[in-house]
């Protein structure tokens, strides 16, 4: 049995759970996500997600 786990769905799941537990984290999670996606786009390592 081979299980392939992608990074983006795992991060989304963890972020969703954290937002449900602590709604004030939403701003920080969105900001960190946008910064990471922007850095990945700038440095051309889009194959990671």
N, C-alpha and C. Protein backbone atom coordinates (compact mmCIF):
# COMPACT_ATOMS: atom_id res chain seq x y z
N UNK A 1 0.85 -1.18 0.00
CA UNK A 1 0.00 0.00 0.00
C UNK A 1 0.89 1.24 0.00
N UNK A 2 0.65 2.12 -0.94
CA UNK A 2 1.45 3.33 -1.08
C UNK A 2 0.57 4.54 -0.77
N UNK A 3 0.98 5.33 0.21
CA UNK A 3 0.22 6.53 0.59
C UNK A 3 1.04 7.74 0.19
N UNK A 4 0.47 8.58 -0.67
CA UNK A 4 1.14 9.81 -1.10
C UNK A 4 0.52 10.98 -0.35
N UNK A 5 1.34 11.71 0.40
CA UNK A 5 0.85 12.83 1.20
C UNK A 5 1.42 14.13 0.66
N UNK A 6 0.55 15.03 0.23
CA UNK A 6 0.98 16.33 -0.27
C UNK A 6 1.06 17.33 0.86
N UNK A 7 1.87 18.35 0.67
CA UNK A 7 2.08 19.34 1.70
C UNK A 7 0.90 20.31 1.82
N UNK A 8 0.38 20.79 0.71
CA UNK A 8 -0.67 21.81 0.73
C UNK A 8 -1.95 21.34 1.46
N UNK A 9 -2.47 20.15 1.16
CA UNK A 9 -3.68 19.72 1.89
C UNK A 9 -3.43 19.53 3.38
N UNK A 10 -2.25 19.07 3.74
CA UNK A 10 -1.92 18.88 5.15
C UNK A 10 -1.87 20.23 5.87
N UNK A 11 -1.25 21.22 5.25
CA UNK A 11 -1.19 22.56 5.84
C UNK A 11 -2.59 23.15 5.96
N UNK A 12 -3.41 22.96 4.93
CA UNK A 12 -4.79 23.48 4.96
C UNK A 12 -5.60 22.83 6.08
N UNK A 13 -5.42 21.53 6.27
CA UNK A 13 -6.14 20.83 7.33
C UNK A 13 -5.74 21.33 8.70
N UNK A 14 -4.45 21.47 8.94
CA UNK A 14 -3.96 21.96 10.23
C UNK A 14 -4.43 23.40 10.46
N UNK A 15 -4.35 24.24 9.44
CA UNK A 15 -4.81 25.63 9.58
C UNK A 15 -6.30 25.69 9.88
N UNK A 16 -7.08 24.86 9.22
CA UNK A 16 -8.53 24.83 9.47
C UNK A 16 -8.86 24.43 10.90
N UNK A 17 -8.16 23.43 11.40
CA UNK A 17 -8.38 23.00 12.78
C UNK A 17 -8.00 24.10 13.76
N UNK A 18 -6.85 24.75 13.51
CA UNK A 18 -6.42 25.83 14.40
C UNK A 18 -7.41 27.00 14.39
N UNK A 19 -7.95 27.32 13.22
CA UNK A 19 -8.92 28.42 13.12
C UNK A 19 -10.19 28.07 13.88
N UNK A 20 -10.62 26.80 13.82
CA UNK A 20 -11.81 26.40 14.58
C UNK A 20 -11.57 26.50 16.08
N UNK A 21 -10.37 26.14 16.52
CA UNK A 21 -10.07 26.16 17.94
C UNK A 21 -9.85 27.59 18.44
N UNK A 22 -9.10 28.37 17.66
CA UNK A 22 -8.78 29.75 18.06
C UNK A 22 -9.03 30.69 16.89
N UNK A 23 -10.24 31.23 16.76
CA UNK A 23 -10.58 32.06 15.60
C UNK A 23 -9.68 33.30 15.41
N UNK A 24 -9.04 33.78 16.47
CA UNK A 24 -8.17 34.94 16.32
C UNK A 24 -6.92 34.62 15.51
N UNK A 25 -6.62 33.35 15.33
CA UNK A 25 -5.45 32.96 14.55
C UNK A 25 -5.65 33.16 13.05
N UNK A 26 -6.88 33.41 12.63
CA UNK A 26 -7.17 33.50 11.19
C UNK A 26 -6.29 34.53 10.50
N UNK A 27 -6.15 35.72 11.06
CA UNK A 27 -5.34 36.76 10.43
C UNK A 27 -3.88 36.32 10.28
N UNK A 28 -3.34 35.71 11.32
CA UNK A 28 -1.95 35.29 11.28
C UNK A 28 -1.74 34.15 10.28
N UNK A 29 -2.67 33.20 10.26
CA UNK A 29 -2.54 32.07 9.35
C UNK A 29 -2.62 32.53 7.90
N UNK A 30 -3.55 33.41 7.60
CA UNK A 30 -3.68 33.92 6.24
C UNK A 30 -2.44 34.71 5.85
N UNK A 31 -1.94 35.56 6.75
CA UNK A 31 -0.76 36.35 6.45
C UNK A 31 0.45 35.46 6.20
N UNK A 32 0.67 34.47 7.04
CA UNK A 32 1.81 33.57 6.87
C UNK A 32 1.67 32.78 5.57
N UNK A 33 0.46 32.32 5.26
CA UNK A 33 0.23 31.58 4.03
C UNK A 33 0.57 32.44 2.81
N UNK A 34 0.09 33.68 2.81
CA UNK A 34 0.34 34.56 1.67
C UNK A 34 1.83 34.87 1.52
N UNK A 35 2.52 35.07 2.62
CA UNK A 35 3.96 35.33 2.57
C UNK A 35 4.71 34.12 2.01
N UNK A 36 4.35 32.93 2.47
CA UNK A 36 5.03 31.72 1.99
C UNK A 36 4.77 31.49 0.51
N UNK A 37 3.51 31.64 0.08
CA UNK A 37 3.18 31.46 -1.34
C UNK A 37 3.90 32.51 -2.19
N UNK A 38 3.99 33.74 -1.70
CA UNK A 38 4.70 34.78 -2.42
C UNK A 38 6.18 34.47 -2.56
N UNK A 39 6.80 34.00 -1.49
CA UNK A 39 8.22 33.65 -1.54
C UNK A 39 8.48 32.48 -2.47
N UNK A 40 7.58 31.48 -2.44
CA UNK A 40 7.72 30.34 -3.34
C UNK A 40 7.60 30.80 -4.79
N UNK A 41 6.67 31.70 -5.05
CA UNK A 41 6.50 32.22 -6.40
C UNK A 41 7.70 33.03 -6.87
N UNK A 42 8.29 33.82 -5.97
CA UNK A 42 9.43 34.65 -6.35
C UNK A 42 10.69 33.81 -6.61
N UNK A 43 10.91 32.80 -5.80
CA UNK A 43 12.14 32.03 -5.93
C UNK A 43 11.99 30.81 -6.83
N UNK A 44 10.81 30.61 -7.41
CA UNK A 44 10.63 29.60 -8.43
C UNK A 44 10.69 28.17 -7.96
N UNK A 45 10.34 27.91 -6.73
CA UNK A 45 10.31 26.53 -6.23
C UNK A 45 8.87 26.07 -6.13
N UNK A 46 8.09 26.27 -7.18
CA UNK A 46 6.69 25.93 -7.19
C UNK A 46 6.41 24.44 -7.20
N UNK A 47 7.43 23.62 -7.44
CA UNK A 47 7.21 22.17 -7.48
C UNK A 47 7.03 21.58 -6.08
N UNK A 48 7.23 22.39 -5.02
CA UNK A 48 7.09 21.88 -3.65
C UNK A 48 5.64 21.72 -3.25
N UNK A 49 4.73 22.55 -3.78
CA UNK A 49 3.32 22.47 -3.39
C UNK A 49 2.50 21.81 -4.45
